[in-house]
Amino acid sequence: MLAGAATNWCIRATAYGALERGYDLTLIEDAHTTETMVLDDGFHVEASSVIQELNIAMTWVTYPGRTNSTATAEQVDFNMPGGRR
């Protein structure tokens, strides 16, 4: 299970790092966040777009022998092995 802050850096790196190292992964889609990024030229990358993109990526990326998915916090039982209700 993965949740936290800085979707565009920490969460993304941890997600791909976990999969690369052989872990199965469930990204808690409503429990990671970031800030809107303002680039030097004034262009804004909205936080909601960054969050949505990683949620989508975690539904289609595949690694051999691993499972990865997304779930809402409500869908996860943090007390059960495997985590799904």
N, C-alpha and C. Protein backbone atom coordinates (compact mmCIF):
# COMPACT_ATOMS: atom_id res chain seq x y z
N MET A 1 0.84 -1.16 0.00
CA MET A 1 0.00 0.00 0.00
C MET A 1 0.89 1.24 0.00
N LEU A 2 0.54 2.20 -0.82
CA LEU A 2 1.35 3.41 -0.92
C LEU A 2 0.46 4.64 -0.86
N ALA A 3 0.81 5.57 0.00
CA ALA A 3 0.13 6.85 0.14
C ALA A 3 1.17 7.86 0.61
N GLY A 4 0.87 9.14 0.49
CA GLY A 4 1.80 10.14 1.00
C GLY A 4 1.75 11.44 0.24
N ALA A 5 2.82 12.20 0.35
CA ALA A 5 2.90 13.52 -0.25
C ALA A 5 3.94 13.53 -1.37
N ALA A 6 3.87 14.56 -2.15
CA ALA A 6 4.77 14.78 -3.29
C ALA A 6 4.60 13.70 -4.36
N THR A 7 3.38 13.60 -4.85
CA THR A 7 3.05 12.64 -5.90
C THR A 7 4.04 12.69 -7.05
N ASN A 8 4.40 13.89 -7.47
CA ASN A 8 5.25 14.05 -8.64
C ASN A 8 6.68 13.59 -8.41
N TRP A 9 7.11 13.42 -7.18
CA TRP A 9 8.47 12.97 -6.91
C TRP A 9 8.48 11.72 -6.04
N CYS A 10 8.21 11.87 -4.77
CA CYS A 10 8.36 10.77 -3.81
C CYS A 10 7.43 9.59 -4.09
N ILE A 11 6.18 9.86 -4.32
CA ILE A 11 5.23 8.78 -4.53
C ILE A 11 5.52 8.05 -5.84
N ARG A 12 5.75 8.80 -6.91
CA ARG A 12 6.06 8.17 -8.20
C ARG A 12 7.34 7.32 -8.10
N ALA A 13 8.39 7.87 -7.51
CA ALA A 13 9.66 7.13 -7.40
C ALA A 13 9.50 5.90 -6.53
N THR A 14 8.75 6.01 -5.44
CA THR A 14 8.54 4.86 -4.56
C THR A 14 7.72 3.79 -5.26
N ALA A 15 6.70 4.19 -6.00
CA ALA A 15 5.86 3.22 -6.72
C ALA A 15 6.69 2.42 -7.72
N TYR A 16 7.41 3.10 -8.57
CA TYR A 16 8.21 2.38 -9.57
C TYR A 16 9.35 1.61 -8.92
N GLY A 17 9.96 2.16 -7.87
CA GLY A 17 11.02 1.47 -7.15
C GLY A 17 10.53 0.18 -6.52
N ALA A 18 9.34 0.22 -5.94
CA ALA A 18 8.76 -0.99 -5.33
C ALA A 18 8.53 -2.07 -6.38
N LEU A 19 7.96 -1.68 -7.50
CA LEU A 19 7.70 -2.66 -8.57
C LEU A 19 9.01 -3.21 -9.13
N GLU A 20 10.00 -2.36 -9.30
CA GLU A 20 11.31 -2.81 -9.80
C GLU A 20 11.96 -3.81 -8.85
N ARG A 21 11.71 -3.65 -7.56
CA ARG A 21 12.32 -4.52 -6.55
C ARG A 21 11.49 -5.76 -6.25
N GLY A 22 10.39 -5.95 -6.97
CA GLY A 22 9.62 -7.17 -6.83
C GLY A 22 8.43 -7.13 -5.91
N TYR A 23 8.07 -5.95 -5.43
CA TYR A 23 6.91 -5.83 -4.55
C TYR A 23 5.63 -5.66 -5.37
N ASP A 24 4.53 -6.21 -4.88
CA ASP A 24 3.22 -5.88 -5.42
C ASP A 24 2.85 -4.51 -4.84
N LEU A 25 1.99 -3.78 -5.54
CA LEU A 25 1.71 -2.41 -5.13
C LEU A 25 0.24 -2.07 -5.31
N THR A 26 -0.32 -1.44 -4.30
CA THR A 26 -1.62 -0.79 -4.43
C THR A 26 -1.41 0.67 -4.06
N LEU A 27 -1.65 1.55 -5.02
CA LEU A 27 -1.57 2.99 -4.79
C LEU A 27 -2.93 3.43 -4.25
N ILE A 28 -2.95 4.07 -3.09
CA ILE A 28 -4.19 4.57 -2.52
C ILE A 28 -4.51 5.88 -3.25
N GLU A 29 -5.43 5.77 -4.20
CA GLU A 29 -5.63 6.85 -5.17
C GLU A 29 -6.13 8.16 -4.56
N ASP A 30 -6.76 8.12 -3.41
CA ASP A 30 -7.23 9.35 -2.78
C ASP A 30 -6.42 9.68 -1.52
N ALA A 31 -5.20 9.14 -1.44
CA ALA A 31 -4.35 9.40 -0.27
C ALA A 31 -2.92 9.73 -0.66
N HIS A 32 -2.76 10.40 -1.79
CA HIS A 32 -1.47 10.99 -2.14
C HIS A 32 -1.75 12.36 -2.73
N THR A 33 -0.82 13.26 -2.56
CA THR A 33 -1.07 14.64 -2.93
C THR A 33 0.22 15.33 -3.36
N THR A 34 0.06 16.49 -3.93
CA THR A 34 1.19 17.32 -4.32
C THR A 34 0.71 18.75 -4.45
N GLU A 35 1.60 19.64 -4.80
CA GLU A 35 1.24 21.03 -5.05
C GLU A 35 1.28 21.31 -6.54
N THR A 36 0.54 22.30 -6.97
CA THR A 36 0.63 22.76 -8.35
C THR A 36 2.05 23.27 -8.59
N MET A 37 2.62 22.86 -9.71
CA MET A 37 3.98 23.29 -10.05
C MET A 37 3.91 24.48 -10.99
N VAL A 38 4.66 25.52 -10.70
CA VAL A 38 4.75 26.68 -11.56
C VAL A 38 6.14 26.68 -12.16
N LEU A 39 6.21 26.51 -13.47
CA LEU A 39 7.50 26.44 -14.16
C LEU A 39 8.07 27.84 -14.39
N ASP A 40 9.32 27.90 -14.76
CA ASP A 40 9.99 29.19 -14.94
C ASP A 40 9.29 30.08 -15.95
N ASP A 41 8.65 29.50 -16.96
CA ASP A 41 7.96 30.29 -17.97
C ASP A 41 6.53 30.67 -17.55
N GLY A 42 6.17 30.34 -16.31
CA GLY A 42 4.85 30.67 -15.80
C GLY A 42 3.79 29.62 -16.04
N PHE A 43 4.14 28.57 -16.78
CA PHE A 43 3.19 27.48 -17.05
C PHE A 43 2.89 26.74 -15.76
N HIS A 44 1.62 26.41 -15.55
CA HIS A 44 1.20 25.68 -14.35
C HIS A 44 0.87 24.24 -14.68
N VAL A 45 1.39 23.33 -13.89
CA VAL A 45 1.00 21.92 -13.95
C VAL A 45 0.16 21.70 -12.70
N GLU A 46 -1.13 21.56 -12.90
CA GLU A 46 -2.06 21.48 -11.77
C GLU A 46 -1.86 20.20 -10.97
N ALA A 47 -1.92 20.32 -9.66
CA ALA A 47 -1.75 19.19 -8.76
C ALA A 47 -2.73 18.07 -9.11
N SER A 48 -3.97 18.41 -9.38
CA SER A 48 -4.98 17.39 -9.69
C SER A 48 -4.61 16.59 -10.93
N SER A 49 -3.96 17.22 -11.89
CA SER A 49 -3.53 16.51 -13.11
C SER A 49 -2.40 15.53 -12.81
N VAL A 50 -1.47 15.94 -11.96
CA VAL A 50 -0.35 15.07 -11.59
C VAL A 50 -0.88 13.84 -10.85
N ILE A 51 -1.79 14.05 -9.92
CA ILE A 51 -2.39 12.96 -9.14
C ILE A 51 -3.15 12.02 -10.05
N GLN A 52 -3.98 12.57 -10.92
CA GLN A 52 -4.78 11.75 -11.83
C GLN A 52 -3.89 10.93 -12.76
N GLU A 53 -2.82 11.54 -13.27
CA GLU A 53 -1.92 10.83 -14.19
C GLU A 53 -1.28 9.62 -13.52
N LEU A 54 -0.82 9.77 -12.28
CA LEU A 54 -0.19 8.62 -11.61
C LEU A 54 -1.24 7.55 -11.30
N ASN A 55 -2.43 7.95 -10.89
CA ASN A 55 -3.49 6.96 -10.67
C ASN A 55 -3.77 6.16 -11.93
N ILE A 56 -3.83 6.82 -13.06
CA ILE A 56 -4.06 6.14 -14.33
C ILE A 56 -2.88 5.24 -14.68
N ALA A 57 -1.66 5.75 -14.53
CA ALA A 57 -0.47 4.96 -14.86
C ALA A 57 -0.41 3.67 -14.06
N MET A 58 -0.80 3.73 -12.80
CA MET A 58 -0.73 2.53 -11.95
C MET A 58 -1.81 1.50 -12.30
N THR A 59 -2.74 1.86 -13.17
CA THR A 59 -3.73 0.87 -13.61
C THR A 59 -3.30 0.16 -14.89
N TRP A 60 -2.35 0.72 -15.64
CA TRP A 60 -1.96 0.07 -16.89
C TRP A 60 -0.51 -0.37 -16.94
N VAL A 61 0.36 0.14 -16.09
CA VAL A 61 1.76 -0.29 -16.11
C VAL A 61 1.84 -1.75 -15.64
N THR A 62 2.70 -2.52 -16.27
CA THR A 62 2.85 -3.92 -15.86
C THR A 62 4.33 -4.25 -15.66
N TYR A 63 4.57 -5.05 -14.67
CA TYR A 63 5.89 -5.60 -14.40
C TYR A 63 5.74 -7.10 -14.30
N PRO A 64 6.62 -7.88 -14.90
CA PRO A 64 6.50 -9.34 -14.87
C PRO A 64 6.44 -9.88 -13.43
N GLY A 65 5.45 -10.70 -13.17
CA GLY A 65 5.34 -11.36 -11.88
C GLY A 65 4.85 -10.50 -10.74
N ARG A 66 4.41 -9.28 -11.03
CA ARG A 66 3.95 -8.39 -9.98
C ARG A 66 2.53 -7.95 -10.28
N THR A 67 1.82 -7.59 -9.22
CA THR A 67 0.50 -7.00 -9.41
C THR A 67 0.55 -5.57 -8.90
N ASN A 68 -0.11 -4.69 -9.60
CA ASN A 68 -0.23 -3.32 -9.17
C ASN A 68 -1.62 -2.82 -9.52
N SER A 69 -2.12 -1.94 -8.68
CA SER A 69 -3.47 -1.43 -8.87
C SER A 69 -3.62 -0.15 -8.07
N THR A 70 -4.83 0.40 -8.15
CA THR A 70 -5.20 1.52 -7.30
C THR A 70 -6.45 1.13 -6.52
N ALA A 71 -6.66 1.80 -5.42
CA ALA A 71 -7.86 1.61 -4.62
C ALA A 71 -8.06 2.87 -3.79
N THR A 72 -9.30 3.14 -3.43
CA THR A 72 -9.55 4.25 -2.52
C THR A 72 -9.25 3.79 -1.10
N ALA A 73 -9.05 4.73 -0.22
CA ALA A 73 -8.79 4.39 1.18
C ALA A 73 -9.95 3.59 1.76
N GLU A 74 -11.15 3.91 1.34
CA GLU A 74 -12.33 3.19 1.84
C GLU A 74 -12.33 1.73 1.40
N GLN A 75 -11.75 1.43 0.25
CA GLN A 75 -11.73 0.07 -0.27
C GLN A 75 -10.67 -0.81 0.38
N VAL A 76 -9.78 -0.23 1.16
CA VAL A 76 -8.65 -0.97 1.71
C VAL A 76 -8.87 -1.27 3.18
N ASP A 77 -8.59 -2.51 3.55
CA ASP A 77 -8.59 -2.91 4.95
C ASP A 77 -7.14 -2.98 5.39
N PHE A 78 -6.68 -1.99 6.10
CA PHE A 78 -5.28 -1.90 6.47
C PHE A 78 -4.88 -2.93 7.52
N ASN A 79 -5.84 -3.66 8.05
CA ASN A 79 -5.56 -4.70 9.05
C ASN A 79 -5.44 -6.08 8.45
N MET A 80 -5.74 -6.23 7.18
CA MET A 80 -5.76 -7.56 6.53
C MET A 80 -4.57 -7.72 5.57
N PRO A 81 -3.90 -8.88 5.59
CA PRO A 81 -2.89 -9.14 4.57
C PRO A 81 -3.52 -9.04 3.19
N GLY A 82 -2.89 -8.36 2.28
CA GLY A 82 -3.46 -8.17 0.94
C GLY A 82 -4.30 -6.92 0.85
N GLY A 83 -4.84 -6.49 1.96
CA GLY A 83 -5.46 -5.19 2.06
C GLY A 83 -6.84 -4.94 1.50
N ARG A 84 -7.32 -5.78 0.61
CA ARG A 84 -8.63 -5.50 0.00
C ARG A 84 -9.75 -5.99 0.87
N ARG A 85 -10.82 -5.23 0.93
CA ARG A 85 -12.03 -5.63 1.67
C ARG A 85 -12.81 -6.62 0.88
